[in-house]
Amino acid sequence: MSHSIPDLQSYLQTHDQLQTAIQGLNAEQLSWKSSPDQWSVTEVLSHLADHNIVVSFRIRQILAGSAVQLPAFDQDPWVSGAKANEGSANDILAVFQALLLYNHLLFQRLSAEDWVKTGINFKGQILSLTDVVQSFVAHVQVHLAQISRIKKALEAQNARV
């Protein structure tokens, strides 16, 4: 667990990283799936927007001093229930960016003491606000790698055709 203020530039850059990752993909490529049980790039982006919503709530729970366990969510039903693959990647990224910017405005008002406030996640682990923000950035990195794998699978598929 870290108790320093996180790198907020890395937090804000997650949007640009995602935008760069999907650059040049058309709507068909963004919604392509290697198999029915795998996510498309659009579905990955939708998951990250959902994750951003949940993390935004966790941040506020921690700052409010709530003793309630920080919420978790079941990602696959959220993505399928939202019919994410029928959505627009650009619209999803706009929501993702709006949440980043809104949270960043909040972060700028926080004191060093706020960053060490804690909550308990669904695994029973105690996490500081800094931990939550750093975990969010790391989570986006995992899904950037997933997007890269999807793009490579799509390229391989197109090479076979």
Protein backbone atom coordinates (compact mmCIF):
# COMPACT_ATOMS: atom_id res chain seq x y z
CA MET A 1 0.00 0.00 0.00
CA SER A 2 1.20 3.43 -0.90
CA HIS A 3 0.53 6.55 1.12
CA SER A 4 1.87 9.21 -1.20
CA ILE A 5 -0.10 11.26 -3.65
CA PRO A 6 -0.38 9.25 -6.88
CA ASP A 7 0.91 10.38 -10.26
CA LEU A 8 -2.16 12.22 -11.47
CA GLN A 9 -0.64 12.77 -14.91
CA SER A 10 -0.60 8.98 -15.42
CA TYR A 11 -4.24 8.95 -14.35
CA LEU A 12 -5.20 11.62 -16.88
CA GLN A 13 -3.13 10.03 -19.65
CA THR A 14 -5.19 6.85 -19.60
CA HIS A 15 -7.69 8.46 -21.96
CA ASP A 16 -5.03 9.42 -24.48
CA GLN A 17 -3.53 5.94 -24.26
CA LEU A 18 -6.89 4.38 -25.07
CA GLN A 19 -7.50 6.87 -27.88
CA THR A 20 -4.11 6.01 -29.37
CA ALA A 21 -4.78 2.27 -29.02
CA ILE A 22 -7.93 2.46 -31.16
CA GLN A 23 -6.64 4.97 -33.70
CA GLY A 24 -7.29 3.84 -37.25
CA LEU A 25 -9.89 1.19 -36.35
CA ASN A 26 -13.27 1.47 -38.02
CA ALA A 27 -16.60 0.57 -36.42
CA GLU A 28 -16.48 -2.99 -37.76
CA GLN A 29 -12.97 -3.56 -36.41
CA LEU A 30 -13.88 -2.02 -33.04
CA SER A 31 -16.81 -4.43 -32.64
CA TRP A 32 -14.98 -7.53 -33.98
CA LYS A 33 -14.71 -10.48 -31.60
CA SER A 34 -12.37 -13.42 -31.96
CA SER A 35 -15.09 -15.61 -30.41
CA PRO A 36 -18.52 -15.04 -28.86
CA ASP A 37 -17.12 -15.34 -25.33
CA GLN A 38 -14.36 -12.77 -25.89
CA TRP A 39 -14.69 -9.00 -25.74
CA SER A 40 -14.33 -6.67 -28.68
CA VAL A 41 -12.32 -3.46 -28.40
CA THR A 42 -15.58 -1.53 -27.90
CA GLU A 43 -16.57 -3.90 -25.09
CA VAL A 44 -13.17 -3.41 -23.42
CA LEU A 45 -13.71 0.35 -23.58
CA SER A 46 -17.21 -0.04 -22.17
CA HIS A 47 -15.82 -2.11 -19.31
CA LEU A 48 -13.26 0.60 -18.58
CA ALA A 49 -15.97 3.28 -18.54
CA ASP A 50 -18.00 1.10 -16.15
CA HIS A 51 -14.89 0.57 -14.03
CA ASN A 52 -14.32 4.33 -13.99
CA ILE A 53 -17.88 4.85 -12.72
CA VAL A 54 -17.37 2.30 -9.93
CA VAL A 55 -13.95 3.70 -9.00
CA SER A 56 -15.43 7.21 -8.92
CA PHE A 57 -17.98 5.95 -6.40
CA ARG A 58 -15.25 4.19 -4.37
CA ILE A 59 -13.24 7.43 -4.24
CA ARG A 60 -16.20 9.31 -2.85
CA GLN A 61 -16.99 6.56 -0.34
CA ILE A 62 -13.44 6.73 0.98
CA LEU A 63 -13.45 10.52 1.20
CA ALA A 64 -16.82 10.46 2.98
CA GLY A 65 -15.37 8.14 5.62
CA SER A 66 -17.94 5.44 4.91
CA ALA A 67 -17.44 2.18 6.79
CA VAL A 68 -19.31 0.31 4.05
CA GLN A 69 -17.33 -2.16 1.96
CA LEU A 70 -16.25 -0.58 -1.34
CA PRO A 71 -18.45 -1.84 -4.19
CA ALA A 72 -17.43 -4.45 -6.71
CA PHE A 73 -19.20 -5.26 -9.95
CA ASP A 74 -19.65 -8.28 -12.20
CA GLN A 75 -17.97 -7.04 -15.37
CA ASP A 76 -19.24 -9.53 -17.94
CA PRO A 77 -22.97 -9.03 -17.21
CA TRP A 78 -22.42 -5.26 -17.12
CA VAL A 79 -20.85 -5.34 -20.59
CA SER A 80 -23.43 -7.70 -22.09
CA GLY A 81 -26.38 -6.07 -20.33
CA ALA A 82 -25.37 -2.67 -21.67
CA LYS A 83 -25.18 -4.11 -25.20
CA ALA A 84 -21.79 -2.44 -25.23
CA ASN A 85 -20.79 -3.74 -28.64
CA GLU A 86 -23.67 -1.79 -30.17
CA GLY A 87 -22.29 1.44 -28.73
CA SER A 88 -19.83 3.90 -30.15
CA ALA A 89 -16.21 3.69 -29.02
CA ASN A 90 -15.93 7.48 -29.29
CA ASP A 91 -19.00 8.02 -27.11
CA ILE A 92 -17.68 5.58 -24.54
CA LEU A 93 -14.29 7.31 -24.48
CA ALA A 94 -15.99 10.68 -24.06
CA VAL A 95 -17.69 9.39 -20.89
CA PHE A 96 -14.40 7.88 -19.71
CA GLN A 97 -12.61 11.20 -20.21
CA ALA A 98 -15.38 13.22 -18.55
CA LEU A 99 -15.07 11.06 -15.43
CA LEU A 100 -11.28 11.43 -15.43
CA LEU A 101 -11.56 15.20 -15.64
CA TYR A 102 -14.29 15.41 -13.00
CA ASN A 103 -12.29 13.23 -10.60
CA HIS A 104 -9.13 15.22 -11.32
CA LEU A 105 -10.91 18.41 -10.29
CA LEU A 106 -11.74 16.68 -7.02
CA PHE A 107 -8.16 15.44 -6.59
CA GLN A 108 -6.84 18.98 -6.87
CA ARG A 109 -8.87 19.94 -3.78
CA LEU A 110 -7.52 17.12 -1.62
CA SER A 111 -4.99 17.41 1.18
CA ALA A 112 -2.19 14.94 1.87
CA GLU A 113 -4.35 13.57 4.69
CA ASP A 114 -7.17 12.82 2.25
CA TRP A 115 -4.90 10.61 0.15
CA VAL A 116 -4.25 8.28 3.10
CA LYS A 117 -7.94 7.78 3.91
CA THR A 118 -8.93 4.17 3.46
CA GLY A 119 -11.74 1.81 2.56
CA ILE A 120 -12.15 -1.95 2.53
CA ASN A 121 -12.56 -3.71 -0.80
CA PHE A 122 -14.61 -6.83 -1.52
CA LYS A 123 -11.56 -8.99 -0.73
CA GLY A 124 -11.33 -7.48 2.75
CA GLN A 125 -8.17 -5.53 1.91
CA ILE A 126 -7.65 -2.03 3.28
CA LEU A 127 -6.91 0.39 0.45
CA SER A 128 -5.91 4.04 0.64
CA LEU A 129 -7.27 6.54 -1.83
CA THR A 130 -3.82 6.55 -3.42
CA ASP A 131 -4.03 2.76 -3.82
CA VAL A 132 -7.41 3.07 -5.54
CA VAL A 133 -6.13 5.62 -8.06
CA GLN A 134 -2.92 3.68 -8.74
CA SER A 135 -4.91 0.46 -9.18
CA PHE A 136 -7.19 2.21 -11.66
CA VAL A 137 -4.19 3.25 -13.79
CA ALA A 138 -2.75 -0.28 -13.62
CA HIS A 139 -6.15 -1.73 -14.58
CA VAL A 140 -6.25 0.43 -17.70
CA GLN A 141 -2.76 -0.83 -18.63
CA VAL A 142 -3.98 -4.44 -18.42
CA HIS A 143 -6.79 -3.62 -20.83
CA LEU A 144 -4.51 -1.70 -23.18
CA ALA A 145 -2.59 -4.96 -23.53
CA GLN A 146 -5.90 -6.75 -24.14
CA ILE A 147 -6.76 -4.26 -26.90
CA SER A 148 -3.37 -4.92 -28.46
CA ARG A 149 -4.05 -8.68 -28.41
CA ILE A 150 -7.48 -8.17 -30.01
CA LYS A 151 -5.92 -6.05 -32.76
CA LYS A 152 -3.27 -8.72 -33.44
CA ALA A 153 -5.95 -11.44 -33.61
CA LEU A 154 -7.93 -9.28 -36.04
CA GLU A 155 -4.84 -8.76 -38.19
CA ALA A 156 -4.17 -12.51 -38.18
CA GLN A 157 -7.78 -13.18 -39.18
CA ASN A 158 -7.56 -10.67 -42.03
CA ALA A 159 -4.25 -12.17 -43.21
CA ARG A 160 -5.94 -15.58 -43.54
CA VAL A 161 -8.81 -14.21 -45.60
